[in-house]
Amino acid sequence: MDRDDPIVNEIRHYSKMIVGAYGKRINMKEASEEENGDVLNYVNTNDISSMFEVSLGDEAYIEFLLQHSDLSIDDLLYCCFEGDTLTTESGVEFHSPPLFILRDVYSKSIVVLVRGTQNLNDVVVDIYGNNMTWAEGSVHEGMGVIAKWIATDNLIHTTIEEALNSDVQYTLKVVGHSLGAGIAALTAIYWKTHHTFDHFAKSRGGSAFLRCFAFAPPPMLSKEIKEKGVGYVYSVVNEDDIVPRLNVQCIYGALRDVSVGSRFERRWRRRWRRRRRRRRWTRWTPSSDRSLGSRYGPSFTRAIEGSGAMITECT
């Protein structure tokens, strides 16, 4: 792919936002004048954590996000650290990971940014991989429930509408990483198939108005739904990253391969042991009748001679 391609430039640009979406700021401690400017003089070098300061809280989170995204506080149009409590059909409860709506001057876009897995709630969403009916196909239920909540929430919809109305040249982007990538892709597909923002698309690039950039998305939709995202949902996968390939069928397939391999190995070992035993008992060398007679007695030797058989002894 051409490095100067506009899509590649957008991927590079939005990759900064997905880092900022995790919101933990870690700074190297600075030495005071009394410590002669050497941080190593007053920290425990055996404990590397003592060399850093971790800034927590919502304000530090937002500061980290905006700094990584090269945006100002005025460009933050909406933030939700914990959305509504959502419930699956079987009664499992969770909520959306942090969600932000940003005005991105660089790309002239309103960006809906969804964070990936970071806490126990996100893990619950990840592992709840039951199928959920979605149009003509199916999707990962946990991500599908959250995506539908985002796509249909009145406050989110109103915020995006107002932002697009105030910036007449801006387009709409949906961006996420890992868990957030799956949610972002399904949200974009929902808006596209339900023509939610088509009245803006007609005057702002048509099919290029709405795009999704999903970084390391998990496999969370069926082929029928995947085909609905062709042309505007871009998946970015880092070489052999396991997450975009880790679905239930792949896990069962891997376990099946391991099981088949183990059975094959066990059969091979049994056969190898049987052959060893056969080899041990069939490694014969000729012996004289005298030696046999001295071991088994003269009656045994006479019986063998009378039968005309050739006897060898195990050595």
Protein backbone atom coordinates (compact mmCIF):
# COMPACT_ATOMS: atom_id res chain seq x y z
CA MET A 1 0.00 0.00 0.00
CA ASP A 2 1.22 3.48 -0.88
CA ARG A 3 2.42 5.38 2.19
CA ASP A 4 1.04 8.58 0.68
CA ASP A 5 -2.41 7.11 0.25
CA PRO A 6 -5.01 9.23 2.13
CA ILE A 7 -6.34 6.14 3.91
CA VAL A 8 -2.85 5.30 5.20
CA ASN A 9 -2.44 8.85 6.47
CA GLU A 10 -5.76 8.62 8.27
CA ILE A 11 -4.78 5.30 9.84
CA ARG A 12 -1.54 6.85 11.07
CA HIS A 13 -3.41 9.84 12.43
CA TYR A 14 -6.15 7.90 14.23
CA SER A 15 -3.64 5.48 15.75
CA LYS A 16 -2.64 8.34 18.06
CA MET A 17 -6.23 8.70 19.22
CA ILE A 18 -6.63 5.05 20.14
CA VAL A 19 -3.53 5.30 22.35
CA GLY A 20 -4.94 8.42 23.98
CA ALA A 21 -8.27 6.67 24.55
CA TYR A 22 -6.69 4.53 27.29
CA GLY A 23 -6.05 7.66 29.29
CA LYS A 24 -3.34 6.70 31.78
CA ARG A 25 -0.61 9.26 32.01
CA ILE A 26 2.81 8.07 33.25
CA ASN A 27 5.57 10.63 33.73
CA MET A 28 9.20 10.24 34.66
CA LYS A 29 9.83 11.84 38.04
CA GLU A 30 11.81 15.04 37.94
CA ALA A 31 14.57 15.72 40.44
CA SER A 32 14.45 18.91 42.49
CA GLU A 33 17.32 21.36 42.80
CA GLU A 34 18.30 19.83 46.18
CA GLU A 35 18.87 16.46 44.48
CA ASN A 36 21.30 17.97 41.95
CA GLY A 37 19.01 17.14 39.05
CA ASP A 38 19.66 13.39 39.19
CA VAL A 39 16.48 11.38 39.59
CA LEU A 40 18.44 8.21 40.37
CA ASN A 41 19.74 9.74 43.61
CA TYR A 42 16.41 9.62 45.39
CA VAL A 43 14.48 6.72 43.88
CA ASN A 44 14.71 3.03 44.60
CA THR A 45 16.37 1.58 41.52
CA ASN A 46 15.22 -1.90 42.56
CA ASP A 47 11.62 -0.73 42.22
CA ILE A 48 11.18 0.77 38.77
CA SER A 49 7.68 2.02 39.65
CA SER A 50 9.25 4.52 42.06
CA MET A 51 10.79 6.30 39.09
CA PHE A 52 7.41 7.21 37.61
CA GLU A 53 4.36 9.24 38.51
CA VAL A 54 0.98 7.94 37.37
CA SER A 55 -1.71 10.58 36.90
CA LEU A 56 -5.21 9.19 37.48
CA GLY A 57 -8.71 10.63 37.50
CA ASP A 58 -11.01 11.95 34.80
CA GLU A 59 -9.10 15.21 34.31
CA ALA A 60 -5.79 13.40 33.78
CA TYR A 61 -7.57 10.95 31.47
CA ILE A 62 -8.94 13.75 29.29
CA GLU A 63 -5.63 15.61 29.31
CA PHE A 64 -3.83 12.47 28.13
CA LEU A 65 -6.40 11.86 25.37
CA LEU A 66 -6.28 15.41 24.03
CA GLN A 67 -2.51 15.57 24.20
CA HIS A 68 -2.12 12.37 22.17
CA SER A 69 -4.76 13.49 19.69
CA ASP A 70 -3.29 17.00 19.23
CA LEU A 71 -6.62 18.53 20.24
CA SER A 72 -7.78 21.16 22.69
CA ILE A 73 -10.46 20.94 25.35
CA ASP A 74 -12.87 22.77 23.03
CA ASP A 75 -12.61 19.85 20.61
CA LEU A 76 -14.04 17.43 23.16
CA LEU A 77 -17.77 17.46 22.38
CA TYR A 78 -18.89 14.47 24.45
CA CYS A 79 -17.39 11.97 26.86
CA CYS A 80 -18.92 9.03 28.68
CA PHE A 81 -16.74 6.96 30.98
CA GLU A 82 -19.53 4.56 31.88
CA GLY A 83 -22.66 4.32 29.79
CA ASP A 84 -26.07 2.94 30.64
CA THR A 85 -26.25 -0.50 32.19
CA LEU A 86 -26.99 -2.89 29.35
CA THR A 87 -28.43 -6.39 29.66
CA THR A 88 -28.21 -9.38 27.35
CA GLU A 89 -31.05 -11.82 26.74
CA SER A 90 -29.62 -14.17 29.37
CA GLY A 91 -29.45 -11.40 31.99
CA VAL A 92 -25.71 -10.58 31.94
CA GLU A 93 -25.17 -6.89 32.77
CA PHE A 94 -22.36 -4.59 31.67
CA HIS A 95 -21.87 -1.10 30.27
CA SER A 96 -20.07 0.50 27.36
CA PRO A 97 -16.34 1.21 27.57
CA PRO A 98 -15.42 4.94 27.58
CA LEU A 99 -16.74 6.79 24.54
CA PHE A 100 -15.67 10.19 23.20
CA ILE A 101 -16.87 12.47 20.44
CA LEU A 102 -14.12 14.74 19.13
CA ARG A 103 -13.85 17.53 16.59
CA ASP A 104 -10.72 16.73 14.62
CA VAL A 105 -9.43 19.76 12.77
CA TYR A 106 -6.65 17.84 11.01
CA SER A 107 -8.98 15.45 9.17
CA LYS A 108 -12.00 17.77 9.23
CA SER A 109 -14.04 15.07 10.89
CA ILE A 110 -16.29 14.44 13.84
CA VAL A 111 -14.70 11.37 15.43
CA VAL A 112 -16.58 8.86 17.59
CA LEU A 113 -13.82 7.15 19.58
CA VAL A 114 -14.33 3.91 21.56
CA ARG A 115 -11.71 2.57 23.97
CA GLY A 116 -10.69 -1.09 24.06
CA THR A 117 -10.41 -3.60 26.89
CA GLN A 118 -8.93 -2.23 30.12
CA ASN A 119 -10.97 -3.39 33.13
CA LEU A 120 -13.12 -6.26 34.37
CA ASN A 121 -16.30 -4.88 32.80
CA ASP A 122 -14.60 -4.92 29.39
CA VAL A 123 -13.43 -8.50 29.95
CA VAL A 124 -17.03 -9.53 30.68
CA VAL A 125 -18.09 -8.02 27.36
CA ASP A 126 -15.23 -9.77 25.56
CA ILE A 127 -15.94 -13.26 26.85
CA TYR A 128 -19.70 -13.04 26.40
CA GLY A 129 -19.53 -14.30 22.84
CA ASN A 130 -23.04 -15.62 22.22
CA ASN A 131 -24.55 -14.94 18.82
CA MET A 132 -26.95 -12.04 18.47
CA THR A 133 -29.23 -11.69 15.45
CA TRP A 134 -28.31 -8.62 13.43
CA ALA A 135 -30.18 -7.97 10.18
CA GLU A 136 -29.63 -11.06 7.97
CA GLY A 137 -26.67 -12.34 9.98
CA SER A 138 -25.31 -12.52 13.50
CA VAL A 139 -22.76 -10.69 15.66
CA HIS A 140 -21.00 -11.00 19.02
CA GLU A 141 -23.79 -10.28 21.51
CA GLY A 142 -21.81 -8.17 23.98
CA MET A 143 -20.45 -5.87 21.28
CA GLY A 144 -23.71 -5.84 19.38
CA VAL A 145 -25.70 -4.66 22.41
CA ILE A 146 -23.25 -1.81 23.06
CA ALA A 147 -23.08 -0.82 19.38
CA LYS A 148 -26.87 -0.58 19.17
CA TRP A 149 -26.95 1.54 22.31
CA ILE A 150 -24.38 3.96 20.85
CA ALA A 151 -26.08 4.05 17.45
CA THR A 152 -29.52 4.82 18.88
CA ASP A 153 -28.74 6.94 21.95
CA ASN A 154 -30.47 10.33 21.67
CA LEU A 155 -27.70 12.37 23.32
CA ILE A 156 -24.97 10.87 21.13
CA HIS A 157 -27.07 11.36 18.00
CA THR A 158 -27.88 14.97 18.92
CA THR A 159 -24.22 15.77 19.66
CA ILE A 160 -23.11 14.45 16.27
CA GLU A 161 -25.95 16.26 14.45
CA GLU A 162 -25.10 19.58 16.07
CA ALA A 163 -21.39 19.19 15.36
CA LEU A 164 -21.99 18.36 11.71
CA ASN A 165 -24.39 21.27 11.34
CA SER A 166 -21.86 23.72 12.80
CA ASP A 167 -18.99 22.48 10.59
CA VAL A 168 -20.41 22.13 7.12
CA GLN A 169 -17.29 20.54 5.58
CA TYR A 170 -16.78 17.89 8.24
CA THR A 171 -17.34 14.15 7.75
CA LEU A 172 -18.03 11.39 10.29
CA LYS A 173 -15.46 8.84 11.49
CA VAL A 174 -15.88 5.97 13.96
CA VAL A 175 -12.62 4.73 15.50
CA GLY A 176 -11.80 2.03 18.04
CA HIS A 177 -9.21 -0.49 19.19
CA SER A 178 -9.71 -4.17 20.10
CA LEU A 179 -13.08 -4.35 21.90
CA GLY A 180 -13.67 -0.74 20.84
CA ALA A 181 -12.86 -1.66 17.23
CA GLY A 182 -15.60 -4.27 17.14
CA ILE A 183 -18.09 -1.84 18.66
CA ALA A 184 -17.00 0.93 16.27
CA ALA A 185 -17.40 -1.30 13.21
CA LEU A 186 -20.89 -2.43 14.21
CA THR A 187 -21.90 1.15 15.05
CA ALA A 188 -20.77 2.37 11.62
CA ILE A 189 -22.57 -0.51 9.89
CA TYR A 190 -25.76 0.26 11.83
CA TRP A 191 -25.67 3.96 10.87
CA LYS A 192 -24.92 3.13 7.24
CA THR A 193 -27.63 0.49 6.81
CA HIS A 194 -30.21 2.60 8.66
CA HIS A 195 -29.30 5.75 6.66
CA THR A 196 -28.96 7.68 9.92
CA PHE A 197 -26.77 10.46 8.53
CA ASP A 198 -27.51 10.17 4.81
CA HIS A 199 -28.81 13.74 4.67
CA PHE A 200 -25.26 14.92 5.44
CA ALA A 201 -23.58 12.42 3.10
CA LYS A 202 -25.25 13.78 -0.03
CA SER A 203 -23.37 17.06 0.18
CA ARG A 204 -20.15 15.81 1.87
CA GLY A 205 -18.47 13.17 -0.21
CA GLY A 206 -21.29 10.67 -0.65
CA SER A 207 -20.03 7.20 0.27
CA ALA A 208 -16.83 8.69 1.76
CA PHE A 209 -18.78 10.67 4.35
CA LEU A 210 -18.90 7.83 6.91
CA ARG A 211 -15.81 5.73 7.56
CA CYS A 212 -14.70 3.42 10.32
CA PHE A 213 -11.11 2.61 11.32
CA ALA A 214 -11.03 -0.54 13.42
CA PHE A 215 -7.61 -1.29 14.94
CA ALA A 216 -7.12 -4.98 15.83
CA PRO A 217 -10.84 -5.82 15.72
CA PRO A 218 -11.87 -9.21 17.11
CA PRO A 219 -13.84 -11.57 14.83
CA MET A 220 -17.33 -10.64 15.97
CA LEU A 221 -19.65 -10.75 12.92
CA SER A 222 -20.89 -13.18 10.32
CA LYS A 223 -20.13 -13.01 6.61
CA GLU A 224 -23.49 -11.41 5.84
CA ILE A 225 -22.78 -8.47 8.16
CA LYS A 226 -19.15 -8.19 7.08
CA GLU A 227 -20.23 -7.62 3.48
CA LYS A 228 -22.35 -4.66 4.60
CA GLY A 229 -19.18 -2.88 5.74
CA VAL A 230 -17.25 -3.24 2.50
CA GLY A 231 -15.94 0.10 1.23
CA TYR A 232 -16.06 2.14 4.42
CA VAL A 233 -14.97 -0.10 7.34
CA TYR A 234 -11.18 -0.49 7.43
CA SER A 235 -9.60 -3.14 9.66
CA VAL A 236 -5.99 -2.57 10.69
CA VAL A 237 -4.22 -5.76 11.85
CA ASN A 238 -0.61 -5.91 13.03
CA GLU A 239 0.94 -8.94 11.29
CA ASP A 240 0.32 -12.04 13.45
CA ASP A 241 -1.80 -10.39 16.15
CA ILE A 242 -3.88 -13.14 17.73
CA VAL A 243 -6.89 -10.97 18.72
CA PRO A 244 -8.36 -10.51 15.20
CA ARG A 245 -8.20 -14.29 14.73
CA LEU A 246 -9.40 -15.41 18.15
CA ASN A 247 -13.01 -16.48 17.86
CA VAL A 248 -14.90 -19.40 19.33
CA GLN A 249 -14.63 -21.53 16.19
CA CYS A 250 -10.86 -20.94 16.02
CA ILE A 251 -10.47 -21.99 19.66
CA TYR A 252 -12.51 -25.17 19.12
CA GLY A 253 -10.53 -25.85 15.95
CA ALA A 254 -7.22 -25.43 17.78
CA LEU A 255 -8.37 -27.72 20.60
CA ARG A 256 -9.54 -30.26 18.05
CA ASP A 257 -6.17 -30.16 16.27
CA VAL A 258 -4.35 -30.58 19.58
CA SER A 259 -6.63 -33.48 20.51
CA VAL A 260 -6.12 -35.19 17.13
CA GLY A 261 -2.38 -34.64 17.43
CA SER A 262 -2.35 -36.11 20.93
CA ARG A 263 -4.30 -39.17 19.80
CA PHE A 264 -1.94 -39.64 16.88
CA GLU A 265 1.07 -39.32 19.19
CA ARG A 266 -0.40 -41.83 21.65
CA ARG A 267 -1.06 -44.33 18.82
CA TRP A 268 2.44 -43.79 17.50
CA ARG A 269 3.97 -44.39 20.96
CA ARG A 270 1.95 -47.58 21.45
CA ARG A 271 3.06 -48.91 18.09
CA TRP A 272 6.65 -47.96 18.83
CA ARG A 273 6.57 -49.83 22.14
CA ARG A 274 5.04 -52.92 20.52
CA ARG A 275 7.72 -52.91 17.83
CA ARG A 276 10.41 -52.58 20.49
CA ARG A 277 9.01 -55.58 22.34
CA ARG A 278 8.77 -57.62 19.13
CA ARG A 279 12.31 -56.70 18.18
CA ARG A 280 13.57 -57.69 21.61
CA TRP A 281 11.90 -61.10 21.47
CA THR A 282 12.73 -61.83 17.84
CA ARG A 283 16.43 -60.98 17.98
CA TRP A 284 17.58 -64.62 17.79
CA THR A 285 20.96 -66.24 17.32
CA PRO A 286 21.50 -69.99 16.61
CA SER A 287 22.40 -72.11 19.64
CA SER A 288 23.67 -75.65 19.80
CA ASP A 289 21.48 -78.47 20.95
CA ARG A 290 24.04 -79.10 23.67
CA SER A 291 23.45 -75.68 25.18
CA LEU A 292 19.71 -76.21 25.01
CA GLY A 293 20.07 -79.59 26.55
CA SER A 294 22.25 -78.29 29.31
CA ARG A 295 19.60 -75.65 30.10
CA TYR A 296 16.32 -77.47 29.47
CA GLY A 297 17.37 -81.10 29.87
CA PRO A 298 17.97 -84.03 27.47
CA SER A 299 14.31 -84.88 27.09
CA PHE A 300 13.62 -81.44 25.64
CA THR A 301 16.50 -81.84 23.20
CA ARG A 302 15.33 -85.28 22.04
CA ALA A 303 11.81 -83.98 21.53
CA ILE A 304 13.04 -81.18 19.36
CA GLU A 305 15.30 -83.45 17.34
CA GLY A 306 12.40 -85.79 16.74
CA SER A 307 10.20 -82.99 15.40
CA GLY A 308 12.84 -81.80 12.95
CA ALA A 309 12.33 -78.16 14.02
CA MET A 310 15.12 -75.62 14.21
CA ILE A 311 15.32 -73.95 17.60
CA THR A 312 17.14 -70.70 18.37
CA GLU A 313 17.60 -69.09 21.71
CA CYS A 314 17.06 -65.52 22.81
CA THR A 315 20.34 -63.84 23.72
